[in-house]
N, C-alpha and C. Protein backbone atom coordinates (compact mmCIF):
# COMPACT_ATOMS: atom_id res chain seq x y z
N MET A 1 -3.15 14.24 6.25
CA MET A 1 -3.59 12.90 5.93
C MET A 1 -3.94 12.19 7.23
N ILE A 2 -4.95 11.34 7.15
CA ILE A 2 -5.40 10.56 8.30
C ILE A 2 -5.07 9.10 8.05
N ALA A 3 -4.59 8.40 9.07
CA ALA A 3 -4.28 6.98 8.98
C ALA A 3 -5.10 6.24 10.02
N ARG A 4 -5.56 5.05 9.64
CA ARG A 4 -6.37 4.27 10.58
C ARG A 4 -6.22 2.77 10.32
N TRP A 5 -6.13 2.03 11.42
CA TRP A 5 -6.18 0.58 11.39
C TRP A 5 -7.65 0.18 11.50
N LEU A 6 -8.10 -0.71 10.64
CA LEU A 6 -9.47 -1.21 10.68
C LEU A 6 -9.46 -2.59 11.34
N ASP A 7 -10.15 -2.72 12.45
CA ASP A 7 -10.14 -3.98 13.20
C ASP A 7 -10.83 -5.12 12.47
N ALA A 8 -11.88 -4.81 11.71
CA ALA A 8 -12.63 -5.86 11.03
C ALA A 8 -11.79 -6.47 9.92
N ARG A 9 -11.85 -7.78 9.79
CA ARG A 9 -11.20 -8.43 8.66
C ARG A 9 -12.04 -8.19 7.42
N LEU A 10 -11.38 -7.76 6.35
CA LEU A 10 -12.06 -7.44 5.09
C LEU A 10 -11.35 -8.16 3.95
N ALA A 11 -12.12 -8.77 3.09
CA ALA A 11 -11.54 -9.40 1.90
C ALA A 11 -11.35 -8.32 0.84
N TYR A 12 -10.20 -8.32 0.20
CA TYR A 12 -9.89 -7.38 -0.87
C TYR A 12 -10.09 -8.08 -2.20
N ASP A 13 -10.93 -7.47 -3.07
CA ASP A 13 -11.16 -8.06 -4.39
C ASP A 13 -10.94 -7.06 -5.52
N GLY A 14 -10.39 -5.90 -5.21
CA GLY A 14 -10.14 -4.87 -6.21
C GLY A 14 -11.22 -3.82 -6.27
N ALA A 15 -12.43 -4.14 -5.83
CA ALA A 15 -13.52 -3.16 -5.84
C ALA A 15 -13.27 -2.04 -4.83
N GLN A 16 -12.40 -2.28 -3.88
CA GLN A 16 -12.07 -1.26 -2.88
C GLN A 16 -11.21 -0.14 -3.47
N LEU A 17 -10.62 -0.39 -4.61
CA LEU A 17 -9.78 0.61 -5.27
C LEU A 17 -10.68 1.54 -6.09
N ARG A 18 -11.51 2.29 -5.36
CA ARG A 18 -12.50 3.20 -5.94
C ARG A 18 -12.50 4.49 -5.13
N ALA A 19 -12.82 5.58 -5.81
CA ALA A 19 -12.95 6.87 -5.11
C ALA A 19 -13.96 6.74 -3.98
N HIS A 20 -13.62 7.29 -2.86
CA HIS A 20 -14.47 7.40 -1.67
C HIS A 20 -14.77 6.07 -0.98
N TRP A 21 -14.08 4.99 -1.31
CA TRP A 21 -14.29 3.75 -0.58
C TRP A 21 -13.95 3.95 0.89
N ILE A 22 -12.85 4.65 1.17
CA ILE A 22 -12.46 4.89 2.56
C ILE A 22 -13.53 5.72 3.26
N LEU A 23 -14.02 6.76 2.62
CA LEU A 23 -15.08 7.59 3.21
C LEU A 23 -16.31 6.74 3.53
N ARG A 24 -16.76 5.95 2.58
CA ARG A 24 -17.98 5.16 2.78
C ARG A 24 -17.81 4.10 3.87
N HIS A 25 -16.61 3.58 4.06
CA HIS A 25 -16.41 2.50 5.02
C HIS A 25 -15.85 2.94 6.37
N THR A 26 -15.35 4.18 6.45
CA THR A 26 -14.76 4.63 7.72
C THR A 26 -15.27 5.99 8.17
N GLY A 27 -15.84 6.77 7.26
CA GLY A 27 -16.26 8.13 7.60
C GLY A 27 -15.14 9.15 7.47
N ILE A 28 -13.95 8.72 7.12
CA ILE A 28 -12.82 9.66 6.95
C ILE A 28 -13.02 10.43 5.65
N VAL A 29 -12.99 11.75 5.75
CA VAL A 29 -13.12 12.62 4.59
C VAL A 29 -11.73 13.14 4.24
N GLY A 30 -11.34 13.01 2.97
CA GLY A 30 -10.08 13.57 2.52
C GLY A 30 -8.97 12.55 2.43
N ASP A 31 -7.74 13.07 2.33
CA ASP A 31 -6.57 12.22 2.17
C ASP A 31 -6.46 11.24 3.33
N ALA A 32 -6.32 9.96 3.00
CA ALA A 32 -6.29 8.95 4.06
C ALA A 32 -5.57 7.69 3.59
N ILE A 33 -5.10 6.94 4.58
CA ILE A 33 -4.57 5.60 4.35
C ILE A 33 -5.14 4.73 5.45
N VAL A 34 -5.67 3.57 5.07
CA VAL A 34 -6.19 2.62 6.04
C VAL A 34 -5.49 1.29 5.84
N ALA A 35 -5.42 0.53 6.92
CA ALA A 35 -4.81 -0.80 6.87
C ALA A 35 -5.81 -1.79 7.46
N PHE A 36 -5.83 -2.98 6.89
CA PHE A 36 -6.71 -4.04 7.39
C PHE A 36 -6.15 -5.38 6.97
N ARG A 37 -6.64 -6.40 7.61
CA ARG A 37 -6.18 -7.75 7.31
C ARG A 37 -7.33 -8.53 6.67
N GLY A 38 -7.00 -9.38 5.71
CA GLY A 38 -8.02 -10.20 5.08
C GLY A 38 -7.50 -10.92 3.85
N ALA A 39 -8.35 -11.73 3.29
CA ALA A 39 -8.01 -12.47 2.08
C ALA A 39 -7.92 -11.53 0.89
N CYS A 40 -7.43 -12.06 -0.21
CA CYS A 40 -7.33 -11.29 -1.46
C CYS A 40 -7.66 -12.21 -2.62
N ASP A 41 -8.52 -11.72 -3.50
CA ASP A 41 -8.84 -12.45 -4.72
C ASP A 41 -9.33 -11.43 -5.74
N VAL A 42 -8.44 -10.98 -6.62
CA VAL A 42 -8.78 -9.95 -7.60
C VAL A 42 -9.12 -10.62 -8.92
N ARG A 43 -10.33 -10.46 -9.35
CA ARG A 43 -10.80 -11.01 -10.63
C ARG A 43 -10.35 -10.09 -11.77
N ASP A 44 -10.31 -10.61 -12.97
CA ASP A 44 -9.89 -9.82 -14.13
C ASP A 44 -10.70 -8.54 -14.29
N ALA A 45 -11.99 -8.58 -14.00
CA ALA A 45 -12.85 -7.40 -14.16
C ALA A 45 -12.43 -6.26 -13.24
N GLU A 46 -11.74 -6.56 -12.13
CA GLU A 46 -11.29 -5.54 -11.18
C GLU A 46 -9.79 -5.29 -11.28
N MET A 47 -9.11 -5.96 -12.17
CA MET A 47 -7.66 -5.84 -12.29
C MET A 47 -7.29 -4.46 -12.84
N ALA A 48 -6.54 -3.69 -12.06
CA ALA A 48 -6.12 -2.37 -12.51
C ALA A 48 -4.84 -2.46 -13.34
N ASP A 49 -3.99 -3.43 -13.04
CA ASP A 49 -2.72 -3.57 -13.75
C ASP A 49 -2.94 -4.47 -14.97
N LEU A 50 -2.90 -3.88 -16.14
CA LEU A 50 -3.16 -4.63 -17.38
C LEU A 50 -2.16 -5.76 -17.59
N GLU A 51 -0.96 -5.62 -17.03
CA GLU A 51 0.06 -6.66 -17.15
C GLU A 51 -0.37 -7.96 -16.47
N ASP A 52 -1.25 -7.86 -15.47
CA ASP A 52 -1.69 -9.04 -14.71
C ASP A 52 -2.85 -9.77 -15.37
N LEU A 53 -3.49 -9.15 -16.36
CA LEU A 53 -4.62 -9.82 -17.03
C LEU A 53 -4.15 -11.10 -17.70
N GLY A 54 -4.89 -12.17 -17.49
CA GLY A 54 -4.55 -13.44 -18.11
C GLY A 54 -3.39 -14.16 -17.44
N GLY A 55 -2.86 -13.59 -16.36
CA GLY A 55 -1.75 -14.22 -15.65
C GLY A 55 -2.24 -15.20 -14.60
N PRO A 56 -1.38 -15.56 -13.67
CA PRO A 56 -1.74 -16.55 -12.66
C PRO A 56 -2.77 -16.04 -11.64
N GLY A 57 -2.99 -14.73 -11.63
CA GLY A 57 -3.97 -14.15 -10.71
C GLY A 57 -3.32 -13.50 -9.51
N ILE A 58 -4.13 -12.79 -8.77
CA ILE A 58 -3.69 -12.12 -7.55
C ILE A 58 -4.58 -12.64 -6.44
N ARG A 59 -4.01 -13.51 -5.61
CA ARG A 59 -4.78 -14.16 -4.55
C ARG A 59 -3.90 -14.44 -3.35
N GLY A 60 -4.54 -14.53 -2.22
CA GLY A 60 -3.90 -14.97 -1.00
C GLY A 60 -4.95 -15.10 0.09
N GLU A 61 -4.81 -16.10 0.93
CA GLU A 61 -5.81 -16.33 1.98
C GLU A 61 -5.70 -15.37 3.15
N ASP A 62 -4.51 -14.80 3.37
CA ASP A 62 -4.33 -13.91 4.52
C ASP A 62 -3.28 -12.87 4.16
N MET A 63 -3.74 -11.63 4.01
CA MET A 63 -2.84 -10.54 3.64
C MET A 63 -3.08 -9.32 4.52
N LEU A 64 -2.07 -8.48 4.58
CA LEU A 64 -2.14 -7.19 5.27
C LEU A 64 -2.24 -6.12 4.20
N HIS A 65 -3.39 -5.44 4.14
CA HIS A 65 -3.69 -4.48 3.07
C HIS A 65 -3.54 -3.04 3.54
N PHE A 66 -3.05 -2.20 2.64
CA PHE A 66 -3.01 -0.75 2.84
C PHE A 66 -3.69 -0.12 1.64
N LEU A 67 -4.65 0.74 1.90
CA LEU A 67 -5.39 1.41 0.84
C LEU A 67 -5.27 2.91 1.09
N MET A 68 -4.75 3.65 0.10
CA MET A 68 -4.53 5.09 0.24
C MET A 68 -5.30 5.83 -0.85
N GLU A 69 -5.91 6.95 -0.44
CA GLU A 69 -6.57 7.83 -1.40
C GLU A 69 -6.13 9.26 -1.12
N ARG A 70 -5.76 9.96 -2.19
CA ARG A 70 -5.32 11.36 -2.10
C ARG A 70 -6.16 12.20 -3.05
N PHE A 71 -6.56 13.38 -2.59
CA PHE A 71 -7.45 14.24 -3.37
C PHE A 71 -6.78 15.50 -3.90
N ASP A 72 -5.46 15.55 -3.91
CA ASP A 72 -4.78 16.70 -4.50
C ASP A 72 -4.82 16.58 -6.02
N GLU A 73 -4.23 17.49 -6.70
CA GLU A 73 -4.27 17.50 -8.16
C GLU A 73 -3.14 16.66 -8.77
N SER A 74 -2.80 15.57 -8.11
CA SER A 74 -1.66 14.77 -8.54
C SER A 74 -1.90 14.03 -9.85
N SER A 75 -0.81 13.84 -10.54
CA SER A 75 -0.82 13.03 -11.75
C SER A 75 -0.70 11.56 -11.36
N LEU A 76 -0.89 10.69 -12.32
CA LEU A 76 -0.67 9.27 -12.08
C LEU A 76 0.80 9.02 -11.75
N GLU A 77 1.69 9.79 -12.35
CA GLU A 77 3.11 9.64 -12.04
C GLU A 77 3.37 9.94 -10.56
N ALA A 78 2.77 10.99 -10.02
CA ALA A 78 2.93 11.31 -8.60
C ALA A 78 2.37 10.18 -7.73
N ALA A 79 1.26 9.59 -8.16
CA ALA A 79 0.68 8.47 -7.41
C ALA A 79 1.63 7.27 -7.40
N VAL A 80 2.28 7.00 -8.53
CA VAL A 80 3.24 5.90 -8.61
C VAL A 80 4.46 6.21 -7.72
N LEU A 81 4.89 7.46 -7.70
CA LEU A 81 6.01 7.83 -6.81
C LEU A 81 5.63 7.62 -5.35
N ARG A 82 4.40 7.98 -4.96
CA ARG A 82 3.93 7.74 -3.59
C ARG A 82 3.87 6.24 -3.30
N GLN A 83 3.40 5.47 -4.28
CA GLN A 83 3.32 4.02 -4.14
C GLN A 83 4.71 3.45 -3.87
N ARG A 84 5.69 3.90 -4.62
CA ARG A 84 7.05 3.40 -4.45
C ARG A 84 7.65 3.85 -3.12
N LEU A 85 7.30 5.05 -2.68
CA LEU A 85 7.75 5.51 -1.36
C LEU A 85 7.14 4.63 -0.27
N LEU A 86 5.88 4.26 -0.43
CA LEU A 86 5.23 3.36 0.52
C LEU A 86 5.94 2.01 0.54
N ALA A 87 6.23 1.46 -0.62
CA ALA A 87 6.93 0.18 -0.70
C ALA A 87 8.33 0.28 -0.10
N ALA A 88 9.03 1.37 -0.38
CA ALA A 88 10.38 1.56 0.17
C ALA A 88 10.34 1.68 1.69
N THR A 89 9.35 2.38 2.21
CA THR A 89 9.20 2.53 3.66
C THR A 89 8.86 1.18 4.30
N ALA A 90 7.98 0.42 3.65
CA ALA A 90 7.63 -0.91 4.15
C ALA A 90 8.87 -1.80 4.21
N ALA A 91 9.70 -1.75 3.17
CA ALA A 91 10.92 -2.55 3.15
C ALA A 91 11.89 -2.08 4.23
N GLU A 92 12.00 -0.78 4.38
CA GLU A 92 12.91 -0.22 5.39
C GLU A 92 12.53 -0.71 6.79
N LEU A 93 11.25 -0.74 7.10
CA LEU A 93 10.80 -1.20 8.41
C LEU A 93 11.11 -2.68 8.62
N LEU A 94 10.99 -3.48 7.57
CA LEU A 94 11.32 -4.90 7.70
C LEU A 94 12.83 -5.11 7.83
N ARG A 95 13.61 -4.33 7.08
CA ARG A 95 15.07 -4.44 7.19
C ARG A 95 15.54 -4.01 8.58
N ALA A 96 14.87 -3.02 9.17
CA ALA A 96 15.22 -2.58 10.52
C ALA A 96 14.99 -3.69 11.55
N ARG A 97 14.14 -4.66 11.21
CA ARG A 97 13.89 -5.81 12.07
C ARG A 97 14.84 -6.96 11.75
N GLY A 98 15.78 -6.73 10.83
CA GLY A 98 16.79 -7.72 10.51
C GLY A 98 16.45 -8.64 9.35
N HIS A 99 15.43 -8.32 8.58
CA HIS A 99 15.03 -9.17 7.46
C HIS A 99 15.63 -8.66 6.15
N ALA A 100 16.21 -9.57 5.38
CA ALA A 100 16.87 -9.22 4.12
C ALA A 100 15.83 -9.07 3.01
N VAL A 101 15.03 -8.05 3.11
CA VAL A 101 13.99 -7.76 2.12
C VAL A 101 14.57 -6.86 1.05
N THR A 102 14.23 -7.14 -0.20
CA THR A 102 14.66 -6.29 -1.30
C THR A 102 13.42 -5.70 -1.97
N ARG A 103 13.64 -4.59 -2.66
CA ARG A 103 12.55 -3.92 -3.38
C ARG A 103 12.94 -3.82 -4.84
N ASP A 104 11.98 -4.13 -5.69
CA ASP A 104 12.13 -3.94 -7.13
C ASP A 104 10.89 -3.16 -7.57
N GLY A 105 11.06 -1.86 -7.80
CA GLY A 105 9.91 -1.01 -8.12
C GLY A 105 8.95 -0.94 -6.95
N ASP A 106 7.73 -1.42 -7.15
CA ASP A 106 6.75 -1.38 -6.08
C ASP A 106 6.58 -2.74 -5.40
N ASP A 107 7.42 -3.71 -5.73
CA ASP A 107 7.33 -5.06 -5.17
C ASP A 107 8.43 -5.31 -4.15
N LEU A 108 8.06 -6.02 -3.06
CA LEU A 108 9.03 -6.47 -2.06
C LEU A 108 9.23 -7.97 -2.21
N TRP A 109 10.47 -8.39 -1.98
CA TRP A 109 10.86 -9.79 -2.14
C TRP A 109 11.64 -10.24 -0.91
N PHE A 110 11.48 -11.51 -0.57
CA PHE A 110 12.26 -12.11 0.50
C PHE A 110 12.70 -13.50 0.03
N ALA A 111 14.00 -13.74 0.05
CA ALA A 111 14.57 -15.04 -0.35
C ALA A 111 14.09 -15.46 -1.74
N GLY A 112 14.00 -14.50 -2.66
CA GLY A 112 13.62 -14.79 -4.03
C GLY A 112 12.13 -15.03 -4.24
N ARG A 113 11.33 -14.80 -3.20
CA ARG A 113 9.88 -15.01 -3.30
C ARG A 113 9.16 -13.69 -3.06
N LYS A 114 8.04 -13.53 -3.74
CA LYS A 114 7.28 -12.28 -3.69
C LYS A 114 6.59 -12.12 -2.34
N LEU A 115 6.81 -10.97 -1.71
CA LEU A 115 6.24 -10.68 -0.40
C LEU A 115 5.04 -9.74 -0.51
N SER A 116 4.95 -8.95 -1.58
CA SER A 116 3.92 -7.92 -1.66
C SER A 116 3.28 -7.84 -3.03
N ILE A 117 2.16 -7.14 -3.07
CA ILE A 117 1.51 -6.74 -4.32
C ILE A 117 1.20 -5.26 -4.19
N SER A 118 1.07 -4.57 -5.32
CA SER A 118 0.76 -3.15 -5.25
C SER A 118 0.30 -2.63 -6.60
N ILE A 119 -0.51 -1.57 -6.53
CA ILE A 119 -0.96 -0.87 -7.74
C ILE A 119 -1.31 0.57 -7.36
N ALA A 120 -1.08 1.48 -8.28
CA ALA A 120 -1.52 2.87 -8.14
C ALA A 120 -2.32 3.23 -9.37
N THR A 121 -3.40 3.98 -9.19
CA THR A 121 -4.23 4.39 -10.31
C THR A 121 -4.92 5.71 -9.98
N ARG A 122 -5.70 6.20 -10.92
CA ARG A 122 -6.45 7.45 -10.73
C ARG A 122 -7.93 7.18 -10.86
N SER A 123 -8.70 7.97 -10.13
CA SER A 123 -10.15 8.04 -10.33
C SER A 123 -10.40 9.45 -10.88
N PRO A 124 -11.63 9.78 -11.21
CA PRO A 124 -11.89 11.15 -11.67
C PRO A 124 -11.58 12.23 -10.63
N VAL A 125 -11.56 11.86 -9.33
CA VAL A 125 -11.37 12.87 -8.29
C VAL A 125 -10.16 12.63 -7.39
N SER A 126 -9.44 11.51 -7.57
CA SER A 126 -8.37 11.20 -6.62
C SER A 126 -7.37 10.23 -7.24
N THR A 127 -6.27 10.03 -6.50
CA THR A 127 -5.35 8.94 -6.82
C THR A 127 -5.54 7.87 -5.76
N LEU A 128 -5.35 6.63 -6.17
CA LEU A 128 -5.61 5.48 -5.30
C LEU A 128 -4.43 4.53 -5.34
N THR A 129 -4.07 3.99 -4.19
CA THR A 129 -2.99 3.02 -4.09
C THR A 129 -3.43 1.85 -3.22
N HIS A 130 -3.15 0.66 -3.68
CA HIS A 130 -3.31 -0.54 -2.86
C HIS A 130 -1.94 -1.18 -2.75
N PHE A 131 -1.55 -1.48 -1.52
CA PHE A 131 -0.28 -2.16 -1.24
C PHE A 131 -0.61 -3.23 -0.22
N ALA A 132 -0.15 -4.45 -0.42
CA ALA A 132 -0.45 -5.53 0.53
C ALA A 132 0.74 -6.46 0.65
N LEU A 133 0.88 -7.00 1.84
CA LEU A 133 1.91 -7.99 2.13
C LEU A 133 1.24 -9.30 2.50
N ASN A 134 1.80 -10.40 2.04
CA ASN A 134 1.29 -11.70 2.45
C ASN A 134 1.55 -11.87 3.95
N VAL A 135 0.55 -12.32 4.67
CA VAL A 135 0.77 -12.73 6.06
C VAL A 135 1.20 -14.19 6.03
N THR A 136 0.47 -15.02 5.29
CA THR A 136 0.86 -16.40 5.04
C THR A 136 0.98 -16.57 3.52
N THR A 137 1.46 -17.72 3.11
CA THR A 137 1.60 -17.98 1.68
C THR A 137 0.45 -18.84 1.15
N ALA A 138 -0.50 -19.16 1.98
CA ALA A 138 -1.63 -20.02 1.58
C ALA A 138 -2.45 -19.35 0.48
N GLY A 139 -2.73 -20.11 -0.57
CA GLY A 139 -3.60 -19.64 -1.64
C GLY A 139 -2.97 -18.71 -2.65
N THR A 140 -1.66 -18.51 -2.59
CA THR A 140 -1.01 -17.61 -3.56
C THR A 140 -0.66 -18.39 -4.82
N PRO A 141 -0.81 -17.78 -5.99
CA PRO A 141 -0.58 -18.50 -7.25
C PRO A 141 0.87 -18.53 -7.72
N VAL A 142 1.76 -17.84 -7.01
CA VAL A 142 3.18 -17.80 -7.37
C VAL A 142 3.98 -18.04 -6.09
N PRO A 143 5.28 -18.35 -6.19
CA PRO A 143 6.09 -18.53 -4.98
C PRO A 143 6.14 -17.23 -4.16
N THR A 144 5.73 -17.31 -2.91
CA THR A 144 5.64 -16.12 -2.07
C THR A 144 6.28 -16.35 -0.70
N ALA A 145 6.51 -15.25 -0.03
CA ALA A 145 6.95 -15.23 1.36
C ALA A 145 5.87 -14.48 2.14
N GLY A 146 5.85 -14.67 3.45
CA GLY A 146 4.84 -14.00 4.26
C GLY A 146 5.39 -13.48 5.57
N LEU A 147 4.65 -12.56 6.17
CA LEU A 147 5.06 -11.97 7.45
C LEU A 147 5.15 -13.02 8.55
N ALA A 148 4.31 -14.06 8.51
CA ALA A 148 4.36 -15.11 9.53
C ALA A 148 5.72 -15.79 9.52
N GLU A 149 6.25 -16.04 8.33
CA GLU A 149 7.57 -16.66 8.19
C GLU A 149 8.66 -15.77 8.80
N LEU A 150 8.44 -14.45 8.75
CA LEU A 150 9.40 -13.49 9.30
C LEU A 150 9.14 -13.20 10.78
N HIS A 151 8.12 -13.84 11.34
CA HIS A 151 7.72 -13.64 12.74
C HIS A 151 7.38 -12.18 13.02
N VAL A 152 6.64 -11.57 12.08
CA VAL A 152 6.21 -10.18 12.18
C VAL A 152 4.71 -10.15 12.46
N ASP A 153 4.33 -9.51 13.55
CA ASP A 153 2.91 -9.37 13.89
C ASP A 153 2.28 -8.36 12.91
N PRO A 154 1.26 -8.77 12.15
CA PRO A 154 0.69 -7.90 11.12
C PRO A 154 0.14 -6.58 11.65
N ARG A 155 -0.61 -6.61 12.73
CA ARG A 155 -1.21 -5.38 13.26
C ARG A 155 -0.13 -4.43 13.76
N GLU A 156 0.82 -4.95 14.51
CA GLU A 156 1.91 -4.12 15.03
C GLU A 156 2.70 -3.48 13.89
N TYR A 157 3.00 -4.31 12.88
CA TYR A 157 3.73 -3.81 11.72
C TYR A 157 2.92 -2.75 10.99
N ALA A 158 1.63 -2.99 10.79
CA ALA A 158 0.76 -2.03 10.10
C ALA A 158 0.74 -0.69 10.83
N LEU A 159 0.63 -0.73 12.15
CA LEU A 159 0.61 0.53 12.91
C LEU A 159 1.92 1.28 12.74
N GLY A 160 3.04 0.56 12.72
CA GLY A 160 4.33 1.21 12.49
C GLY A 160 4.44 1.81 11.11
N LEU A 161 3.94 1.10 10.10
CA LEU A 161 3.99 1.62 8.74
C LEU A 161 3.06 2.81 8.57
N LEU A 162 1.87 2.76 9.16
CA LEU A 162 0.96 3.91 9.10
C LEU A 162 1.61 5.13 9.74
N ASP A 163 2.26 4.96 10.90
CA ASP A 163 2.96 6.08 11.55
C ASP A 163 4.07 6.63 10.66
N ALA A 164 4.82 5.73 10.02
CA ALA A 164 5.92 6.16 9.15
C ALA A 164 5.39 6.92 7.94
N VAL A 165 4.26 6.49 7.38
CA VAL A 165 3.65 7.18 6.23
C VAL A 165 3.21 8.58 6.65
N LEU A 166 2.60 8.70 7.81
CA LEU A 166 2.18 10.03 8.30
C LEU A 166 3.38 10.94 8.53
N ALA A 167 4.44 10.39 9.12
CA ALA A 167 5.65 11.19 9.37
C ALA A 167 6.26 11.66 8.05
N GLU A 168 6.30 10.78 7.05
CA GLU A 168 6.84 11.15 5.74
C GLU A 168 5.99 12.23 5.10
N ASP A 169 4.67 12.10 5.19
CA ASP A 169 3.76 13.09 4.63
C ASP A 169 3.98 14.46 5.29
N ARG A 170 4.08 14.47 6.62
CA ARG A 170 4.34 15.74 7.33
C ARG A 170 5.67 16.34 6.91
N SER A 171 6.70 15.50 6.79
CA SER A 171 8.02 15.97 6.39
C SER A 171 8.00 16.56 4.98
N ILE A 172 7.28 15.93 4.07
CA ILE A 172 7.17 16.44 2.70
C ILE A 172 6.47 17.79 2.70
N ARG A 173 5.39 17.91 3.47
CA ARG A 173 4.65 19.18 3.53
C ARG A 173 5.51 20.29 4.12
N THR A 174 6.31 19.95 5.14
CA THR A 174 7.20 20.94 5.75
C THR A 174 8.28 21.35 4.75
N ALA A 175 8.88 20.37 4.09
CA ALA A 175 9.94 20.67 3.11
C ALA A 175 9.41 21.56 2.00
N ARG A 176 8.17 21.32 1.60
CA ARG A 176 7.56 22.10 0.52
C ARG A 176 7.30 23.54 0.96
N ALA A 177 6.97 23.73 2.22
CA ALA A 177 6.57 25.05 2.71
C ALA A 177 7.72 25.91 3.25
N LYS A 178 8.86 25.31 3.53
CA LYS A 178 9.94 26.07 4.18
C LYS A 178 10.95 26.67 3.22
N VAL A 179 10.79 26.46 1.95
CA VAL A 179 11.74 27.00 1.00
C VAL A 179 11.19 28.30 0.38
N ARG A 180 12.08 29.15 0.00
CA ARG A 180 11.64 30.35 -0.71
C ARG A 180 12.02 30.21 -2.17
N GLY A 181 11.26 30.86 -2.99
CA GLY A 181 11.51 30.82 -4.42
C GLY A 181 12.77 31.59 -4.80
N LYS A 182 13.41 31.16 -5.85
CA LYS A 182 14.58 31.88 -6.33
C LYS A 182 14.16 33.27 -6.77
N GLY A 183 14.96 34.25 -6.38
CA GLY A 183 14.65 35.63 -6.68
C GLY A 183 13.83 36.30 -5.57
N GLU A 184 13.36 35.50 -4.62
CA GLU A 184 12.62 36.05 -3.47
C GLU A 184 13.62 36.54 -2.45
N SER A 185 13.35 37.70 -1.84
CA SER A 185 14.29 38.20 -0.85
C SER A 185 13.89 37.82 0.55
């Protein structure tokens, strides 16, 4: 898997959660995760999570986005498990900095306020995950917390999370390859 920080600020509107968006915008072919900073405003037409339709909306003026695409033969369940591992790793990195962040499924919370958004889905050729943390709380439709409040530099944090995701991916691949099947001598 390849990880990359994108320097350009990009607004996320849900259209990025498409097969080959990373390839078309970065040139990366294959399994990848990219991080970027920008606003968020997901309209109902782009809403992947049916539970969010007709709700208060998914918006924020300044967020730290992570977009992952995997091309293995994974099920949607495997994509959701990866999404939750990403959320758990993100929380772990914030707790290591002394912040009392909690995780409920794929959502992170701080002081009873929502810190993140996330969704996992499938395309005909891949699984896709979007995970984002509020940098500020400006423009959010529900009570939220942000990285600025935690005094966390978004780019520095993103680079640490990208490194952690790559390390976890390598560790999973090693664990998968180092075992022998039962009955094998």
